[in-house]
Amino acid sequence: MSVPFEDADLEDDAAPSARLVVALRREDSGERIDRLLAARLPELSRARIQALMRSGRVSAAGRTLEDPSAKINAGEGPGEIVVELPPPEPAGPIGQDIPLVVVHEDRDLIVIDKPAGLVVHPAAGHADGTLVNALIAHCGASLSGVGGVARPGIVHRLDKDTSGLMVAAKTDAAHRALSAQFADHGRTGPLVRRYLALVWSPPDRPRGVIDAPLGRSARNREKIAIRSDGREAITHWETLERYPAADAGLIACRLETGRTHQIRVHLASLGSPLVGDDVYGPGHRTKASRLSEEAGAALKALGRQALHAATLGFAHPRTGKAMLFESAPPPELERLLAALRDSRRDMA
């Protein structure tokens, strides 16, 4: 199991540390080092790990591990592998005048209602036009740089096609305090993250908890999968509405952890993938053909997975005051929900 750096969640994506430690198990014997590290450290791609190894930043027992294809030696017994992360590059993204829906702002932080389609921070394929670019333009030089130059102010993140509430830090002190709350998963504070998820084939029982560790899929590195050697991931869910005519339902999900694609993978594991999720629920595409004309048109207009970050709560990083924010589903999602409710009434 990896020893998490200060804010290691992928969705709780805050300040990177300079050092990651992966504890070895006897059953790891014979496993390729780069493959093992990629599975235990899903925040790093396998290509990134290979580059770190070749640059001499991966070691075990004081010995540098430079060959990504090398395997764990059974004779060495349990131990640990240390991955050293280089400091952020000095260059950073530029500010861009991208409209933001600001829910709250003070000298320490800003809460925004992110629209679907907006990438959170620059990455391959999205060098600009991101939320970070918008925040730099809006907040100016005050935006916290603790998160690294590629993602200043970012404490957690949402998928590109997920809408809803996010908080960003405007000072380094706020960044550290908020990051600690997200890393703690709300166990000792008022952190609340509640999502609305429209799913196909909602579970029969009204509520439940999914406790299933997540890591990069061994078959497809672009996907996340439930893995016994993955990182802890816990989702509490409750069914709010059912739409029998469409075999769909509206579910509220509360996160204990914030892993990449956590809700999408966890709900799919129940046989209830998100409506509109072509990555984790492509087998349910045929259900769309059975929707009413109005609901089908609304689903086509939505054009994404039906997931919305509706509630966000945390302790203010300076005052300690509990803060709670709510966001209604965006119009395109609300139209789909309204059409499904109409279909339910037609059945009555």
Protein backbone atom coordinates (compact mmCIF):
# COMPACT_ATOMS: atom_id res chain seq x y z
CA MET A 1 0.00 0.00 0.00
CA SER A 2 1.34 3.43 -0.83
CA VAL A 3 2.02 5.98 1.84
CA PRO A 4 -0.05 8.94 0.58
CA PHE A 5 1.58 12.29 0.12
CA GLU A 6 -0.10 15.13 1.91
CA ASP A 7 -3.04 15.45 -0.47
CA ALA A 8 -2.85 12.32 -2.54
CA ASP A 9 -6.43 11.97 -3.84
CA LEU A 10 -6.80 12.47 -7.55
CA GLU A 11 -10.06 14.27 -7.17
CA ASP A 12 -8.76 15.75 -3.92
CA ASP A 13 -5.94 16.97 -6.10
CA ALA A 14 -3.82 19.26 -4.03
CA ALA A 15 -0.16 19.97 -3.39
CA PRO A 16 2.14 17.23 -4.66
CA SER A 17 4.84 15.96 -2.34
CA ALA A 18 8.46 15.34 -3.24
CA ARG A 19 8.43 11.75 -1.98
CA LEU A 20 6.15 8.72 -2.39
CA VAL A 21 6.73 5.41 -0.63
CA VAL A 22 5.28 2.05 -1.74
CA ALA A 23 5.45 -0.84 0.72
CA LEU A 24 6.26 -4.18 -0.89
CA ARG A 25 4.50 -7.45 -0.13
CA ARG A 26 5.80 -10.95 -0.61
CA GLU A 27 3.16 -11.61 -3.26
CA ASP A 28 4.69 -8.78 -5.32
CA SER A 29 7.62 -11.05 -6.15
CA GLY A 30 8.21 -11.30 -9.90
CA GLU A 31 6.08 -8.24 -10.73
CA ARG A 32 7.56 -5.62 -13.06
CA ILE A 33 8.56 -2.58 -11.01
CA ASP A 34 6.96 -0.03 -13.34
CA ARG A 35 3.70 -2.00 -13.49
CA LEU A 36 3.57 -2.38 -9.72
CA LEU A 37 4.18 1.32 -9.13
CA ALA A 38 1.57 2.33 -11.70
CA ALA A 39 -1.01 0.15 -9.92
CA ARG A 40 -0.14 1.46 -6.45
CA LEU A 41 0.28 5.10 -7.49
CA PRO A 42 -2.62 5.85 -9.86
CA GLU A 43 -1.79 9.56 -9.71
CA LEU A 44 1.27 8.75 -11.84
CA SER A 45 1.03 7.24 -15.32
CA ARG A 46 3.19 4.28 -16.20
CA ALA A 47 5.08 6.42 -18.72
CA ARG A 48 5.73 8.99 -15.99
CA ILE A 49 7.03 6.29 -13.65
CA GLN A 50 9.34 4.91 -16.37
CA ALA A 51 10.74 8.41 -16.95
CA LEU A 52 11.32 8.87 -13.22
CA MET A 53 13.13 5.54 -13.07
CA ARG A 54 15.39 6.37 -16.01
CA SER A 55 16.26 9.70 -14.37
CA GLY A 56 17.35 7.95 -11.17
CA ARG A 57 14.43 9.06 -8.99
CA VAL A 58 13.24 5.58 -7.95
CA SER A 59 15.11 3.54 -5.36
CA ALA A 60 14.87 0.62 -2.93
CA ALA A 61 17.16 -0.08 0.04
CA GLY A 62 19.45 2.70 -1.13
CA ARG A 63 19.81 1.19 -4.61
CA THR A 64 18.64 3.16 -7.65
CA LEU A 65 16.12 1.32 -9.84
CA GLU A 66 16.69 2.56 -13.37
CA ASP A 67 15.31 -0.34 -15.44
CA PRO A 68 11.49 -0.14 -15.72
CA SER A 69 11.30 -3.76 -16.89
CA ALA A 70 13.16 -5.10 -13.84
CA LYS A 71 11.15 -7.30 -11.51
CA ILE A 72 10.72 -7.47 -7.77
CA ASN A 73 13.26 -9.89 -6.30
CA ALA A 74 11.69 -12.54 -4.08
CA GLY A 75 14.91 -12.97 -2.13
CA GLU A 76 14.89 -9.39 -0.90
CA GLY A 77 11.76 -9.92 1.20
CA PRO A 78 9.32 -7.16 2.14
CA GLY A 79 10.67 -3.67 1.79
CA GLU A 80 9.72 -0.42 0.16
CA ILE A 81 10.26 1.54 -3.02
CA VAL A 82 10.81 5.29 -2.84
CA VAL A 83 9.75 7.56 -5.70
CA GLU A 84 11.15 11.08 -5.65
CA LEU A 85 9.10 13.68 -7.53
CA PRO A 86 10.97 16.65 -9.05
CA PRO A 87 9.82 20.17 -8.16
CA PRO A 88 7.28 21.84 -10.46
CA GLU A 89 8.52 23.48 -13.62
CA PRO A 90 8.96 27.24 -13.22
CA ALA A 91 6.75 28.16 -16.17
CA GLY A 92 3.03 28.38 -15.54
CA PRO A 93 -0.29 28.85 -17.30
CA ILE A 94 -1.54 32.29 -18.24
CA GLY A 95 -4.76 33.95 -17.21
CA GLN A 96 -7.65 33.81 -19.65
CA ASP A 97 -10.92 35.69 -19.49
CA ILE A 98 -13.22 32.68 -19.14
CA PRO A 99 -16.58 33.36 -17.43
CA LEU A 100 -16.94 31.90 -13.95
CA VAL A 101 -20.05 31.35 -11.84
CA VAL A 102 -18.79 32.52 -8.46
CA VAL A 103 -20.84 31.18 -5.54
CA HIS A 104 -18.66 32.65 -2.80
CA GLU A 105 -15.39 34.55 -2.62
CA ASP A 106 -13.29 36.04 0.14
CA ARG A 107 -9.63 36.82 0.65
CA ASP A 108 -8.78 33.16 1.32
CA LEU A 109 -10.78 31.14 -1.19
CA ILE A 110 -13.24 31.07 -4.04
CA VAL A 111 -16.13 28.65 -4.60
CA ILE A 112 -17.29 28.26 -8.17
CA ASP A 113 -20.04 26.30 -9.92
CA LYS A 114 -18.13 24.59 -12.72
CA PRO A 115 -19.99 24.00 -15.97
CA ALA A 116 -19.70 20.68 -17.75
CA GLY A 117 -17.08 20.72 -20.47
CA LEU A 118 -14.55 22.84 -18.56
CA VAL A 119 -11.26 21.07 -17.80
CA VAL A 120 -9.93 21.87 -14.32
CA HIS A 121 -6.20 22.27 -14.98
CA PRO A 122 -3.80 22.16 -17.93
CA ALA A 123 -2.76 18.70 -19.09
CA ALA A 124 -1.95 16.88 -22.28
CA GLY A 125 -4.49 17.96 -24.90
CA HIS A 126 -5.68 20.90 -22.79
CA ALA A 127 -2.83 23.38 -22.56
CA ASP A 128 -5.19 26.28 -21.89
CA GLY A 129 -8.87 27.17 -21.69
CA THR A 130 -9.07 25.52 -18.26
CA LEU A 131 -10.50 26.48 -14.91
CA VAL A 132 -6.97 27.29 -13.75
CA ASN A 133 -6.56 29.78 -16.60
CA ALA A 134 -9.87 31.36 -15.59
CA LEU A 135 -8.88 31.51 -11.92
CA ILE A 136 -5.55 33.14 -12.71
CA ALA A 137 -7.35 35.86 -14.66
CA HIS A 138 -9.99 36.31 -11.96
CA CYS A 139 -7.81 36.15 -8.84
CA GLY A 140 -4.55 37.53 -10.18
CA ALA A 141 -1.29 37.08 -8.33
CA SER A 142 -3.07 36.16 -5.08
CA LEU A 143 -3.92 32.66 -6.34
CA SER A 144 -2.10 30.05 -4.27
CA GLY A 145 0.86 28.35 -5.92
CA VAL A 146 1.14 25.45 -3.46
CA GLY A 147 -0.50 23.11 -5.95
CA GLY A 148 2.32 23.51 -8.46
CA VAL A 149 2.48 25.89 -11.37
CA ALA A 150 0.27 23.73 -13.58
CA ARG A 151 -2.64 23.88 -11.15
CA PRO A 152 -2.45 26.84 -8.77
CA GLY A 153 -5.21 27.07 -6.22
CA ILE A 154 -6.61 23.62 -6.98
CA VAL A 155 -7.49 21.57 -3.89
CA HIS A 156 -9.72 18.96 -5.56
CA ARG A 157 -11.10 18.49 -9.03
CA LEU A 158 -14.07 17.35 -11.07
CA ASP A 159 -14.04 15.47 -14.35
CA LYS A 160 -14.32 17.63 -17.43
CA ASP A 161 -17.91 16.49 -18.05
CA THR A 162 -19.04 16.70 -14.42
CA SER A 163 -20.71 19.94 -13.36
CA GLY A 164 -20.97 21.50 -9.93
CA LEU A 165 -19.23 22.98 -6.92
CA MET A 166 -15.48 23.36 -6.42
CA VAL A 167 -13.34 25.36 -4.00
CA ALA A 168 -9.95 26.86 -4.86
CA ALA A 169 -7.42 28.47 -2.53
CA LYS A 170 -6.27 32.07 -2.97
CA THR A 171 -3.46 31.91 -0.40
CA ASP A 172 -0.85 29.30 0.44
CA ALA A 173 -2.13 29.06 4.02
CA ALA A 174 -5.68 28.41 2.78
CA HIS A 175 -4.36 25.85 0.32
CA ARG A 176 -2.57 23.89 3.03
CA ALA A 177 -5.57 23.99 5.38
CA LEU A 178 -8.11 22.97 2.74
CA SER A 179 -5.80 20.28 1.40
CA ALA A 180 -5.53 18.79 4.88
CA GLN A 181 -9.33 18.59 5.11
CA PHE A 182 -9.63 16.80 1.77
CA ALA A 183 -6.77 14.45 2.61
CA ASP A 184 -8.50 13.62 5.91
CA HIS A 185 -11.71 12.77 3.98
CA GLY A 186 -13.83 14.67 6.51
CA ARG A 187 -13.11 12.24 9.33
CA THR A 188 -12.26 15.06 11.77
CA GLY A 189 -14.04 17.99 10.17
CA PRO A 190 -17.16 19.16 8.34
CA LEU A 191 -16.09 18.18 4.81
CA VAL A 192 -19.14 17.28 2.72
CA ARG A 193 -19.21 16.25 -0.94
CA ARG A 194 -22.60 15.16 -2.25
CA TYR A 195 -23.33 14.42 -5.90
CA LEU A 196 -26.52 13.82 -7.87
CA ALA A 197 -26.16 10.88 -10.24
CA LEU A 198 -28.72 9.80 -12.83
CA VAL A 199 -28.25 6.07 -13.45
CA TRP A 200 -29.63 3.23 -15.48
CA SER A 201 -31.09 0.24 -13.58
CA PRO A 202 -31.01 1.72 -10.06
CA PRO A 203 -30.40 -0.81 -7.25
CA ASP A 204 -33.44 -2.43 -5.67
CA ARG A 205 -32.43 -1.48 -2.14
CA PRO A 206 -32.85 2.18 -1.12
CA ARG A 207 -29.32 2.90 0.11
CA GLY A 208 -25.93 1.38 0.67
CA VAL A 209 -22.18 1.82 0.92
CA ILE A 210 -19.61 0.82 -1.70
CA ASP A 211 -16.21 0.09 -0.19
CA ALA A 212 -14.02 -0.99 -3.11
CA PRO A 213 -10.40 0.11 -3.72
CA LEU A 214 -9.61 1.75 -7.05
CA GLY A 215 -6.56 1.88 -9.29
CA ARG A 216 -5.62 2.11 -12.94
CA SER A 217 -7.06 -0.68 -15.05
CA ALA A 218 -4.45 -3.24 -16.05
CA ARG A 219 -6.16 -3.60 -19.43
CA ASN A 220 -6.71 0.06 -20.24
CA ARG A 221 -4.59 2.73 -18.57
CA GLU A 222 -7.17 5.36 -19.50
CA LYS A 223 -9.71 3.72 -17.20
CA ILE A 224 -10.04 3.16 -13.47
CA ALA A 225 -11.02 -0.24 -12.09
CA ILE A 226 -11.75 -1.92 -8.77
CA ARG A 227 -8.48 -3.54 -7.69
CA SER A 228 -7.53 -5.39 -4.53
CA ASP A 229 -4.22 -3.50 -4.54
CA GLY A 230 -5.86 -0.14 -5.27
CA ARG A 231 -6.39 2.83 -2.98
CA GLU A 232 -9.22 3.00 -0.48
CA ALA A 233 -12.44 4.31 -2.03
CA ILE A 234 -15.77 4.61 -0.21
CA THR A 235 -19.06 5.92 -1.61
CA HIS A 236 -22.33 6.22 0.33
CA TRP A 237 -25.40 6.23 -1.91
CA GLU A 238 -29.15 6.68 -1.57
CA THR A 239 -31.87 6.42 -4.21
CA LEU A 240 -33.91 9.63 -4.38
CA GLU A 241 -36.24 8.96 -7.33
CA ARG A 242 -37.09 6.08 -9.66
CA TYR A 243 -38.30 6.31 -13.26
CA PRO A 244 -39.64 2.81 -14.04
CA ALA A 245 -40.60 3.58 -17.64
CA ALA A 246 -36.96 4.33 -18.43
CA ASP A 247 -35.41 1.85 -15.96
CA ALA A 248 -33.52 4.81 -14.50
CA GLY A 249 -33.17 6.52 -11.16
CA LEU A 250 -31.69 9.53 -9.40
CA ILE A 251 -29.11 8.68 -6.74
CA ALA A 252 -27.37 10.87 -4.19
CA CYS A 253 -23.73 9.92 -3.58
CA ARG A 254 -21.68 11.11 -0.63
CA LEU A 255 -17.93 10.64 -0.88
CA GLU A 256 -15.64 9.61 1.93
CA THR A 257 -12.71 9.50 -0.46
CA GLY A 258 -12.22 11.33 -3.73
CA ARG A 259 -10.56 9.06 -6.25
CA THR A 260 -10.52 9.56 -9.99
CA HIS A 261 -13.83 8.41 -11.53
CA GLN A 262 -14.88 7.04 -8.12
CA ILE A 263 -18.64 7.49 -8.47
CA ARG A 264 -18.64 6.36 -12.10
CA VAL A 265 -16.78 3.13 -11.37
CA HIS A 266 -18.53 2.36 -8.09
CA LEU A 267 -22.05 2.79 -9.48
CA ALA A 268 -21.15 0.78 -12.59
CA SER A 269 -20.00 -2.02 -10.27
CA LEU A 270 -23.56 -2.16 -8.90
CA GLY A 271 -24.91 -2.58 -12.43
CA SER A 272 -26.15 1.02 -12.30
CA PRO A 273 -23.86 3.07 -14.55
CA LEU A 274 -24.34 6.76 -15.05
CA VAL A 275 -26.69 7.76 -17.83
CA GLY A 276 -24.55 9.15 -20.65
CA ASP A 277 -21.30 7.53 -19.47
CA ASP A 278 -19.87 5.87 -22.56
CA VAL A 279 -16.69 4.81 -20.74
CA TYR A 280 -18.12 2.79 -17.85
CA GLY A 281 -21.66 2.15 -19.09
CA PRO A 282 -21.59 1.59 -22.86
CA GLY A 283 -23.63 -1.59 -22.53
CA HIS A 284 -26.62 0.48 -21.49
CA ARG A 285 -26.74 2.63 -24.63
CA THR A 286 -29.68 0.59 -25.96
CA LYS A 287 -31.79 1.81 -23.04
CA ALA A 288 -31.71 5.30 -24.52
CA SER A 289 -33.66 4.06 -27.54
CA ARG A 290 -36.57 3.17 -25.25
CA LEU A 291 -36.89 6.65 -23.74
CA SER A 292 -39.81 8.90 -24.55
CA GLU A 293 -39.24 11.32 -27.41
CA GLU A 294 -38.86 14.21 -24.96
CA ALA A 295 -36.45 12.33 -22.68
CA GLY A 296 -34.43 11.05 -25.63
CA ALA A 297 -34.01 14.57 -26.98
CA ALA A 298 -33.00 15.81 -23.52
CA LEU A 299 -30.41 13.03 -23.18
CA LYS A 300 -28.94 13.87 -26.57
CA ALA A 301 -28.76 17.55 -25.59
CA LEU A 302 -27.03 16.63 -22.31
CA GLY A 303 -24.24 14.92 -24.24
CA ARG A 304 -22.29 13.76 -21.16
CA GLN A 305 -22.47 11.64 -18.04
CA ALA A 306 -25.32 12.76 -15.79
CA LEU A 307 -23.29 13.66 -12.70
CA HIS A 308 -23.47 16.92 -10.74
CA ALA A 309 -21.57 18.03 -7.61
CA ALA A 310 -24.56 19.44 -5.74
CA THR A 311 -23.28 20.02 -2.19
CA LEU A 312 -19.90 21.14 -0.90
CA GLY A 313 -19.08 21.78 2.73
CA PHE A 314 -15.84 22.46 4.59
CA ALA A 315 -14.34 24.45 7.45
CA HIS A 316 -13.13 27.88 6.46
CA PRO A 317 -9.32 27.60 6.43
CA ARG A 318 -8.78 30.80 8.45
CA THR A 319 -11.82 31.16 10.73
CA GLY A 320 -12.73 27.49 11.16
CA LYS A 321 -16.38 28.34 10.46
CA ALA A 322 -18.40 25.54 8.80
CA MET A 323 -19.41 26.54 5.27
CA LEU A 324 -22.00 24.74 3.15
CA PHE A 325 -22.94 25.43 -0.47
CA GLU A 326 -25.67 23.98 -2.68
CA SER A 327 -25.97 23.92 -6.47
CA ALA A 328 -29.08 22.97 -8.43
CA PRO A 329 -28.63 20.72 -11.48
CA PRO A 330 -27.79 22.74 -14.60
CA PRO A 331 -30.65 23.36 -17.06
CA GLU A 332 -29.65 20.58 -19.48
CA LEU A 333 -29.69 17.97 -16.70
CA GLU A 334 -32.85 19.36 -15.14
CA ARG A 335 -34.64 19.06 -18.52
CA LEU A 336 -33.75 15.38 -18.67
CA LEU A 337 -34.93 14.81 -15.10
CA ALA A 338 -38.21 16.63 -15.83
CA ALA A 339 -38.80 14.49 -18.93
CA LEU A 340 -38.21 11.31 -16.91
CA ARG A 341 -40.62 12.50 -14.22
CA ASP A 342 -43.24 13.17 -16.90
CA SER A 343 -42.77 9.64 -18.21
CA ARG A 344 -43.31 8.30 -14.68
CA ARG A 345 -46.55 10.25 -14.35
CA ASP A 346 -47.75 8.90 -17.72
CA MET A 347 -47.43 5.38 -16.31
CA ALA A 348 -49.56 6.17 -13.25
